[in-house]
Amino acid sequence: MPKICTFLGISIYMYFDEHNPPHFHALYNDFRGKFLLPSLNYTAGNLPPRIIGLVIEWAELHKEELLDNWNRIKETGKYKKINPLV
């Protein structure tokens, strides 16, 4: 499972064998969440509200890169790291 990015203790993942619709996962300590692309809707998990906000803020800045990585992973299994939220 490729780790796309890490920032402020939050790790962002996309899995090789995932199903549509496009999405990514965020992990923060023992909390997890799933976000749809391109809407960035939080659809599942138990992330604290502050962390959900930070993930959405980061994802808004990198939406095109996230979608590109989704397609790359599905087609070739390759991906590119994405810059963290600073």
PDB file of N, CA and C in Angstrom:
ATOM      1  N   MET A   1       0.848  -1.169   0.000  1.00  0.00           N
ATOM      2  CA  MET A   1       0.000   0.000   0.000  1.00  0.00           C
ATOM      3  C   MET A   1       0.890   1.227   0.000  1.00  0.00           C
ATOM      4  N   PRO A   2       0.857   1.994  -1.051  1.00  0.00           N
ATOM      5  CA  PRO A   2       1.729   3.155  -1.160  1.00  0.00           C
ATOM      6  C   PRO A   2       1.336   4.287  -0.210  1.00  0.00           C
ATOM      7  N   LYS A   3       2.347   4.768   0.515  1.00  0.00           N
ATOM      8  CA  LYS A   3       2.147   5.967   1.323  1.00  0.00           C
ATOM      9  C   LYS A   3       2.450   7.149   0.406  1.00  0.00           C
ATOM     10  N   ILE A   4       1.436   7.929   0.114  1.00  0.00           N
ATOM     11  CA  ILE A   4       1.538   9.048  -0.818  1.00  0.00           C
ATOM     12  C   ILE A   4       2.165  10.265  -0.150  1.00  0.00           C
ATOM     13  N   CYS A   5       1.853  10.458   1.153  1.00  0.00           N
ATOM     14  CA  CYS A   5       2.322  11.662   1.841  1.00  0.00           C
ATOM     15  C   CYS A   5       2.183  11.479   3.348  1.00  0.00           C
ATOM     16  N   THR A   6       3.011  12.192   4.092  1.00  0.00           N
ATOM     17  CA  THR A   6       2.889  12.274   5.552  1.00  0.00           C
ATOM     18  C   THR A   6       3.082  13.723   5.966  1.00  0.00           C
ATOM     19  N   PHE A   7       2.179  14.213   6.811  1.00  0.00           N
ATOM     20  CA  PHE A   7       2.306  15.571   7.352  1.00  0.00           C
ATOM     21  C   PHE A   7       1.567  15.643   8.677  1.00  0.00           C
ATOM     22  N   LEU A   8       2.157  16.357   9.630  1.00  0.00           N
ATOM     23  CA  LEU A   8       1.544  16.588  10.941  1.00  0.00           C
ATOM     24  C   LEU A   8       1.047  15.297  11.592  1.00  0.00           C
ATOM     25  N   GLY A   9       1.773  14.212  11.382  1.00  0.00           N
ATOM     26  CA  GLY A   9       1.398  12.927  11.960  1.00  0.00           C
ATOM     27  C   GLY A   9       0.317  12.186  11.197  1.00  0.00           C
ATOM     28  N   ILE A  10      -0.119  12.721  10.059  1.00  0.00           N
ATOM     29  CA  ILE A  10      -1.163  12.120   9.230  1.00  0.00           C
ATOM     30  C   ILE A  10      -0.489  11.435   8.038  1.00  0.00           C
ATOM     31  N   SER A  11      -0.834  10.195   7.786  1.00  0.00           N
ATOM     32  CA  SER A  11      -0.312   9.472   6.622  1.00  0.00           C
ATOM     33  C   SER A  11      -1.441   9.260   5.623  1.00  0.00           C
ATOM     34  N   ILE A  12      -1.129   9.513   4.344  1.00  0.00           N
ATOM     35  CA  ILE A  12      -2.101   9.368   3.269  1.00  0.00           C
ATOM     36  C   ILE A  12      -1.698   8.156   2.427  1.00  0.00           C
ATOM     37  N   TYR A  13      -2.665   7.264   2.172  1.00  0.00           N
ATOM     38  CA  TYR A  13      -2.411   6.036   1.430  1.00  0.00           C
ATOM     39  C   TYR A  13      -3.399   5.873   0.280  1.00  0.00           C
ATOM     40  N   MET A  14      -2.936   5.176  -0.751  1.00  0.00           N
ATOM     41  CA  MET A  14      -3.792   4.635  -1.797  1.00  0.00           C
ATOM     42  C   MET A  14      -3.373   3.183  -1.964  1.00  0.00           C
ATOM     43  N   TYR A  15      -4.340   2.301  -2.110  1.00  0.00           N
ATOM     44  CA  TYR A  15      -4.062   0.875  -2.195  1.00  0.00           C
ATOM     45  C   TYR A  15      -4.076   0.408  -3.643  1.00  0.00           C
ATOM     46  N   PHE A  16      -3.234  -0.572  -3.959  1.00  0.00           N
ATOM     47  CA  PHE A  16      -3.116  -1.080  -5.322  1.00  0.00           C
ATOM     48  C   PHE A  16      -4.378  -1.785  -5.797  1.00  0.00           C
ATOM     49  N   ASP A  17      -5.050  -2.466  -4.924  1.00  0.00           N
ATOM     50  CA  ASP A  17      -6.184  -3.294  -5.333  1.00  0.00           C
ATOM     51  C   ASP A  17      -7.528  -2.651  -5.009  1.00  0.00           C
ATOM     52  N   GLU A  18      -7.578  -1.349  -4.959  1.00  0.00           N
ATOM     53  CA  GLU A  18      -8.801  -0.651  -4.585  1.00  0.00           C
ATOM     54  C   GLU A  18      -9.838  -0.660  -5.693  1.00  0.00           C
ATOM     55  N   HIS A  19     -11.033  -0.395  -5.300  1.00  0.00           N
ATOM     56  CA  HIS A  19     -12.209  -0.365  -6.163  1.00  0.00           C
ATOM     57  C   HIS A  19     -12.604   1.089  -6.415  1.00  0.00           C
ATOM     58  N   ASN A  20     -13.390   1.292  -7.454  1.00  0.00           N
ATOM     59  CA  ASN A  20     -13.956   2.618  -7.702  1.00  0.00           C
ATOM     60  C   ASN A  20     -15.068   2.868  -6.698  1.00  0.00           C
ATOM     61  N   PRO A  21     -15.409   4.097  -6.420  1.00  0.00           N
ATOM     62  CA  PRO A  21     -14.907   5.329  -6.999  1.00  0.00           C
ATOM     63  C   PRO A  21     -13.523   5.683  -6.443  1.00  0.00           C
ATOM     64  N   PRO A  22     -12.797   6.561  -7.151  1.00  0.00           N
ATOM     65  CA  PRO A  22     -11.473   6.983  -6.682  1.00  0.00           C
ATOM     66  C   PRO A  22     -11.544   7.554  -5.256  1.00  0.00           C
ATOM     67  N   HIS A  23     -10.561   7.187  -4.449  1.00  0.00           N
ATOM     68  CA  HIS A  23     -10.529   7.651  -3.068  1.00  0.00           C
ATOM     69  C   HIS A  23      -9.125   7.448  -2.491  1.00  0.00           C
ATOM     70  N   PHE A  24      -8.938   7.982  -1.292  1.00  0.00           N
ATOM     71  CA  PHE A  24      -7.693   7.760  -0.568  1.00  0.00           C
ATOM     72  C   PHE A  24      -8.017   7.590   0.906  1.00  0.00           C
ATOM     73  N   HIS A  25      -7.037   7.099   1.650  1.00  0.00           N
ATOM     74  CA  HIS A  25      -7.195   6.823   3.064  1.00  0.00           C
ATOM     75  C   HIS A  25      -6.231   7.699   3.857  1.00  0.00           C
ATOM     76  N   ALA A  26      -6.693   8.153   5.019  1.00  0.00           N
ATOM     77  CA  ALA A  26      -5.850   8.917   5.928  1.00  0.00           C
ATOM     78  C   ALA A  26      -5.768   8.159   7.246  1.00  0.00           C
ATOM     79  N   LEU A  27      -4.569   8.060   7.794  1.00  0.00           N
ATOM     80  CA  LEU A  27      -4.354   7.429   9.090  1.00  0.00           C
ATOM     81  C   LEU A  27      -3.697   8.438  10.022  1.00  0.00           C
ATOM     82  N   TYR A  28      -4.210   8.505  11.231  1.00  0.00           N
ATOM     83  CA  TYR A  28      -3.675   9.402  12.256  1.00  0.00           C
ATOM     84  C   TYR A  28      -3.751   8.658  13.580  1.00  0.00           C
ATOM     85  N   ASN A  29      -2.606   8.267  14.118  1.00  0.00           N
ATOM     86  CA  ASN A  29      -2.560   7.426  15.316  1.00  0.00           C
ATOM     87  C   ASN A  29      -3.440   6.199  15.083  1.00  0.00           C
ATOM     88  N   ASP A  30      -4.430   5.968  15.932  1.00  0.00           N
ATOM     89  CA  ASP A  30      -5.314   4.808  15.773  1.00  0.00           C
ATOM     90  C   ASP A  30      -6.580   5.141  14.990  1.00  0.00           C
ATOM     91  N   PHE A  31      -6.639   6.327  14.412  1.00  0.00           N
ATOM     92  CA  PHE A  31      -7.819   6.777  13.678  1.00  0.00           C
ATOM     93  C   PHE A  31      -7.608   6.589  12.176  1.00  0.00           C
ATOM     94  N   ARG A  32      -8.715   6.330  11.473  1.00  0.00           N
ATOM     95  CA  ARG A  32      -8.659   6.129  10.026  1.00  0.00           C
ATOM     96  C   ARG A  32      -9.815   6.858   9.367  1.00  0.00           C
ATOM     97  N   GLY A  33      -9.608   7.206   8.099  1.00  0.00           N
ATOM     98  CA  GLY A  33     -10.683   7.828   7.346  1.00  0.00           C
ATOM     99  C   GLY A  33     -10.526   7.594   5.858  1.00  0.00           C
ATOM    100  N   LYS A  34     -11.641   7.674   5.159  1.00  0.00           N
ATOM    101  CA  LYS A  34     -11.661   7.492   3.706  1.00  0.00           C
ATOM    102  C   LYS A  34     -12.287   8.734   3.077  1.00  0.00           C
ATOM    103  N   PHE A  35     -11.655   9.242   2.007  1.00  0.00           N
ATOM    104  CA  PHE A  35     -12.089  10.456   1.320  1.00  0.00           C
ATOM    105  C   PHE A  35     -12.261  10.161  -0.163  1.00  0.00           C
ATOM    106  N   LEU A  36     -13.387  10.582  -0.729  1.00  0.00           N
ATOM    107  CA  LEU A  36     -13.650  10.380  -2.154  1.00  0.00           C
ATOM    108  C   LEU A  36     -12.962  11.447  -2.995  1.00  0.00           C
ATOM    109  N   LEU A  37     -12.632  11.062  -4.220  1.00  0.00           N
ATOM    110  CA  LEU A  37     -12.073  11.996  -5.204  1.00  0.00           C
ATOM    111  C   LEU A  37     -13.040  12.096  -6.372  1.00  0.00           C
ATOM    112  N   PRO A  38     -13.256  13.243  -6.923  1.00  0.00           N
ATOM    113  CA  PRO A  38     -12.634  14.531  -6.637  1.00  0.00           C
ATOM    114  C   PRO A  38     -13.379  15.370  -5.595  1.00  0.00           C
ATOM    115  N   SER A  39     -14.495  14.870  -5.043  1.00  0.00           N
ATOM    116  CA  SER A  39     -15.322  15.689  -4.139  1.00  0.00           C
ATOM    117  C   SER A  39     -14.664  15.965  -2.795  1.00  0.00           C
ATOM    118  N   LEU A  40     -13.765  15.083  -2.350  1.00  0.00           N
ATOM    119  CA  LEU A  40     -13.096  15.132  -1.050  1.00  0.00           C
ATOM    120  C   LEU A  40     -14.058  14.897   0.107  1.00  0.00           C
ATOM    121  N   ASN A  41     -15.213  14.312  -0.188  1.00  0.00           N
ATOM    122  CA  ASN A  41     -16.151  13.961   0.879  1.00  0.00           C
ATOM    123  C   ASN A  41     -15.527  12.903   1.774  1.00  0.00           C
ATOM    124  N   TYR A  42     -15.682  13.095   3.073  1.00  0.00           N
ATOM    125  CA  TYR A  42     -15.249  12.126   4.084  1.00  0.00           C
ATOM    126  C   TYR A  42     -16.360  11.098   4.203  1.00  0.00           C
ATOM    127  N   THR A  43     -16.090   9.847   3.833  1.00  0.00           N
ATOM    128  CA  THR A  43     -17.168   8.868   3.738  1.00  0.00           C
ATOM    129  C   THR A  43     -17.146   7.786   4.798  1.00  0.00           C
ATOM    130  N   ALA A  44     -16.032   7.573   5.451  1.00  0.00           N
ATOM    131  CA  ALA A  44     -15.970   6.508   6.448  1.00  0.00           C
ATOM    132  C   ALA A  44     -14.798   6.766   7.375  1.00  0.00           C
ATOM    133  N   GLY A  45     -14.922   6.283   8.597  1.00  0.00           N
ATOM    134  CA  GLY A  45     -13.801   6.355   9.518  1.00  0.00           C
ATOM    135  C   GLY A  45     -14.160   6.991  10.837  1.00  0.00           C
ATOM    136  N   ASN A  46     -13.102   7.227  11.611  1.00  0.00           N
ATOM    137  CA  ASN A  46     -13.263   7.785  12.948  1.00  0.00           C
ATOM    138  C   ASN A  46     -12.246   8.892  13.242  1.00  0.00           C
ATOM    139  N   LEU A  47     -11.834   9.610  12.192  1.00  0.00           N
ATOM    140  CA  LEU A  47     -10.860  10.695  12.373  1.00  0.00           C
ATOM    141  C   LEU A  47     -11.461  11.838  13.192  1.00  0.00           C
ATOM    142  N   PRO A  48     -10.661  12.473  14.037  1.00  0.00           N
ATOM    143  CA  PRO A  48     -11.133  13.669  14.736  1.00  0.00           C
ATOM    144  C   PRO A  48     -11.441  14.788  13.729  1.00  0.00           C
ATOM    145  N   PRO A  49     -12.422  15.637  14.032  1.00  0.00           N
ATOM    146  CA  PRO A  49     -12.813  16.712  13.107  1.00  0.00           C
ATOM    147  C   PRO A  49     -11.649  17.596  12.667  1.00  0.00           C
ATOM    148  N   ARG A  50     -10.747  17.930  13.575  1.00  0.00           N
ATOM    149  CA  ARG A  50      -9.600  18.782  13.209  1.00  0.00           C
ATOM    150  C   ARG A  50      -8.731  18.102  12.153  1.00  0.00           C
ATOM    151  N   ILE A  51      -8.548  16.802  12.270  1.00  0.00           N
ATOM    152  CA  ILE A  51      -7.731  16.052  11.316  1.00  0.00           C
ATOM    153  C   ILE A  51      -8.447  15.960   9.972  1.00  0.00           C
ATOM    154  N   ILE A  52      -9.755  15.758   9.992  1.00  0.00           N
ATOM    155  CA  ILE A  52     -10.534  15.759   8.749  1.00  0.00           C
ATOM    156  C   ILE A  52     -10.321  17.079   8.016  1.00  0.00           C
ATOM    157  N   GLY A  53     -10.381  18.187   8.746  1.00  0.00           N
ATOM    158  CA  GLY A  53     -10.175  19.501   8.135  1.00  0.00           C
ATOM    159  C   GLY A  53      -8.793  19.645   7.527  1.00  0.00           C
ATOM    160  N   LEU A  54      -7.765  19.177   8.220  1.00  0.00           N
ATOM    161  CA  LEU A  54      -6.395  19.269   7.693  1.00  0.00           C
ATOM    162  C   LEU A  54      -6.231  18.412   6.443  1.00  0.00           C
ATOM    163  N   VAL A  55      -6.815  17.220   6.453  1.00  0.00           N
ATOM    164  CA  VAL A  55      -6.713  16.344   5.280  1.00  0.00           C
ATOM    165  C   VAL A  55      -7.414  16.987   4.087  1.00  0.00           C
ATOM    166  N   ILE A  56      -8.589  17.543   4.305  1.00  0.00           N
ATOM    167  CA  ILE A  56      -9.305  18.194   3.208  1.00  0.00           C
ATOM    168  C   ILE A  56      -8.538  19.411   2.709  1.00  0.00           C
ATOM    169  N   GLU A  57      -7.972  20.195   3.615  1.00  0.00           N
ATOM    170  CA  GLU A  57      -7.165  21.349   3.209  1.00  0.00           C
ATOM    171  C   GLU A  57      -6.003  20.898   2.322  1.00  0.00           C
ATOM    172  N   TRP A  58      -5.299  19.852   2.737  1.00  0.00           N
ATOM    173  CA  TRP A  58      -4.181  19.316   1.953  1.00  0.00           C
ATOM    174  C   TRP A  58      -4.671  18.793   0.602  1.00  0.00           C
ATOM    175  N   ALA A  59      -5.758  18.024   0.619  1.00  0.00           N
ATOM    176  CA  ALA A  59      -6.258  17.398  -0.607  1.00  0.00           C
ATOM    177  C   ALA A  59      -6.753  18.427  -1.620  1.00  0.00           C
ATOM    178  N   GLU A  60      -7.317  19.534  -1.153  1.00  0.00           N
ATOM    179  CA  GLU A  60      -7.746  20.591  -2.067  1.00  0.00           C
ATOM    180  C   GLU A  60      -6.564  21.143  -2.854  1.00  0.00           C
ATOM    181  N   LEU A  61      -5.422  21.233  -2.205  1.00  0.00           N
ATOM    182  CA  LEU A  61      -4.216  21.733  -2.865  1.00  0.00           C
ATOM    183  C   LEU A  61      -3.632  20.724  -3.855  1.00  0.00           C
ATOM    184  N   HIS A  62      -3.953  19.452  -3.686  1.00  0.00           N
ATOM    185  CA  HIS A  62      -3.304  18.391  -4.464  1.00  0.00           C
ATOM    186  C   HIS A  62      -4.307  17.471  -5.169  1.00  0.00           C
ATOM    187  N   LYS A  63      -5.496  17.966  -5.441  1.00  0.00           N
ATOM    188  CA  LYS A  63      -6.556  17.134  -6.016  1.00  0.00           C
ATOM    189  C   LYS A  63      -6.134  16.498  -7.340  1.00  0.00           C
ATOM    190  N   GLU A  64      -5.524  17.285  -8.229  1.00  0.00           N
ATOM    191  CA  GLU A  64      -5.101  16.740  -9.526  1.00  0.00           C
ATOM    192  C   GLU A  64      -4.043  15.656  -9.357  1.00  0.00           C
ATOM    193  N   GLU A  65      -3.101  15.878  -8.445  1.00  0.00           N
ATOM    194  CA  GLU A  65      -2.052  14.883  -8.195  1.00  0.00           C
ATOM    195  C   GLU A  65      -2.650  13.594  -7.614  1.00  0.00           C
ATOM    196  N   LEU A  66      -3.636  13.739  -6.751  1.00  0.00           N
ATOM    197  CA  LEU A  66      -4.295  12.570  -6.184  1.00  0.00           C
ATOM    198  C   LEU A  66      -5.001  11.754  -7.264  1.00  0.00           C
ATOM    199  N   LEU A  67      -5.736  12.440  -8.127  1.00  0.00           N
ATOM    200  CA  LEU A  67      -6.424  11.741  -9.219  1.00  0.00           C
ATOM    201  C   LEU A  67      -5.425  11.088 -10.172  1.00  0.00           C
ATOM    202  N   ASP A  68      -4.332  11.792 -10.449  1.00  0.00           N
ATOM    203  CA  ASP A  68      -3.289  11.230 -11.303  1.00  0.00           C
ATOM    204  C   ASP A  68      -2.696   9.971 -10.660  1.00  0.00           C
ATOM    205  N   ASN A  69      -2.428  10.022  -9.358  1.00  0.00           N
ATOM    206  CA  ASN A  69      -1.901   8.850  -8.667  1.00  0.00           C
ATOM    207  C   ASN A  69      -2.895   7.700  -8.680  1.00  0.00           C
ATOM    208  N   TRP A  70      -4.181   7.996  -8.506  1.00  0.00           N
ATOM    209  CA  TRP A  70      -5.192   6.933  -8.555  1.00  0.00           C
ATOM    210  C   TRP A  70      -5.103   6.191  -9.890  1.00  0.00           C
ATOM    211  N   ASN A  71      -5.051   6.965 -10.971  1.00  0.00           N
ATOM    212  CA  ASN A  71      -4.982   6.355 -12.306  1.00  0.00           C
ATOM    213  C   ASN A  71      -3.681   5.596 -12.512  1.00  0.00           C
ATOM    214  N   ARG A  72      -2.563   6.168 -12.077  1.00  0.00           N
ATOM    215  CA  ARG A  72      -1.262   5.490 -12.211  1.00  0.00           C
ATOM    216  C   ARG A  72      -1.247   4.159 -11.471  1.00  0.00           C
ATOM    217  N   ILE A  73      -1.710   4.191 -10.229  1.00  0.00           N
ATOM    218  CA  ILE A  73      -1.684   2.974  -9.417  1.00  0.00           C
ATOM    219  C   ILE A  73      -2.554   1.899 -10.052  1.00  0.00           C
ATOM    220  N   LYS A  74      -3.731   2.283 -10.522  1.00  0.00           N
ATOM    221  CA  LYS A  74      -4.634   1.308 -11.139  1.00  0.00           C
ATOM    222  C   LYS A  74      -4.040   0.737 -12.434  1.00  0.00           C
ATOM    223  N   GLU A  75      -3.355   1.573 -13.210  1.00  0.00           N
ATOM    224  CA  GLU A  75      -2.847   1.151 -14.515  1.00  0.00           C
ATOM    225  C   GLU A  75      -1.479   0.489 -14.447  1.00  0.00           C
ATOM    226  N   THR A  76      -0.577   1.042 -13.640  1.00  0.00           N
ATOM    227  CA  THR A  76       0.814   0.570 -13.668  1.00  0.00           C
ATOM    228  C   THR A  76       1.351   0.129 -12.311  1.00  0.00           C
ATOM    229  N   GLY A  77       0.660   0.461 -11.244  1.00  0.00           N
ATOM    230  CA  GLY A  77       1.176   0.158  -9.912  1.00  0.00           C
ATOM    231  C   GLY A  77       2.205   1.160  -9.430  1.00  0.00           C
ATOM    232  N   LYS A  78       2.451   2.196 -10.220  1.00  0.00           N
ATOM    233  CA  LYS A  78       3.419   3.217  -9.841  1.00  0.00           C
ATOM    234  C   LYS A  78       2.688   4.474  -9.362  1.00  0.00           C
ATOM    235  N   TYR A  79       3.382   5.263  -8.584  1.00  0.00           N
ATOM    236  CA  TYR A  79       2.795   6.490  -8.038  1.00  0.00           C
ATOM    237  C   TYR A  79       3.891   7.497  -7.753  1.00  0.00           C
ATOM    238  N   LYS A  80       3.467   8.714  -7.487  1.00  0.00           N
ATOM    239  CA  LYS A  80       4.400   9.780  -7.114  1.00  0.00           C
ATOM    240  C   LYS A  80       4.031  10.293  -5.735  1.00  0.00           C
ATOM    241  N   LYS A  81       5.056  10.573  -4.936  1.00  0.00           N
ATOM    242  CA  LYS A  81       4.834  11.197  -3.627  1.00  0.00           C
ATOM    243  C   LYS A  81       4.250  12.590  -3.854  1.00  0.00           C
ATOM    244  N   ILE A  82       3.450  13.042  -2.904  1.00  0.00           N
ATOM    245  CA  ILE A  82       2.847  14.374  -2.978  1.00  0.00           C
ATOM    246  C   ILE A  82       3.368  15.182  -1.804  1.00  0.00           C
ATOM    247  N   ASN A  83       3.642  16.452  -2.035  1.00  0.00           N
ATOM    248  CA  ASN A  83       4.184  17.319  -0.997  1.00  0.00           C
ATOM    249  C   ASN A  83       3.231  17.445   0.193  1.00  0.00           C
ATOM    250  N   PRO A  84       3.795  17.570   1.375  1.00  0.00           N
ATOM    251  CA  PRO A  84       2.971  17.686   2.582  1.00  0.00           C
ATOM    252  C   PRO A  84       2.381  19.088   2.743  1.00  0.00           C
ATOM    253  N   LEU A  85       1.435  19.176   3.664  1.00  0.00           N
ATOM    254  CA  LEU A  85       0.879  20.452   4.067  1.00  0.00           C
ATOM    255  C   LEU A  85       1.911  21.128   4.958  1.00  0.00           C
ATOM    256  N   VAL A  86       2.226  22.355   4.669  1.00  0.00           N
ATOM    257  CA  VAL A  86       3.227  23.077   5.478  1.00  0.00           C
ATOM    258  C   VAL A  86       2.635  24.287   6.134  1.00  0.00           C
TER     259      VAL A  86
END
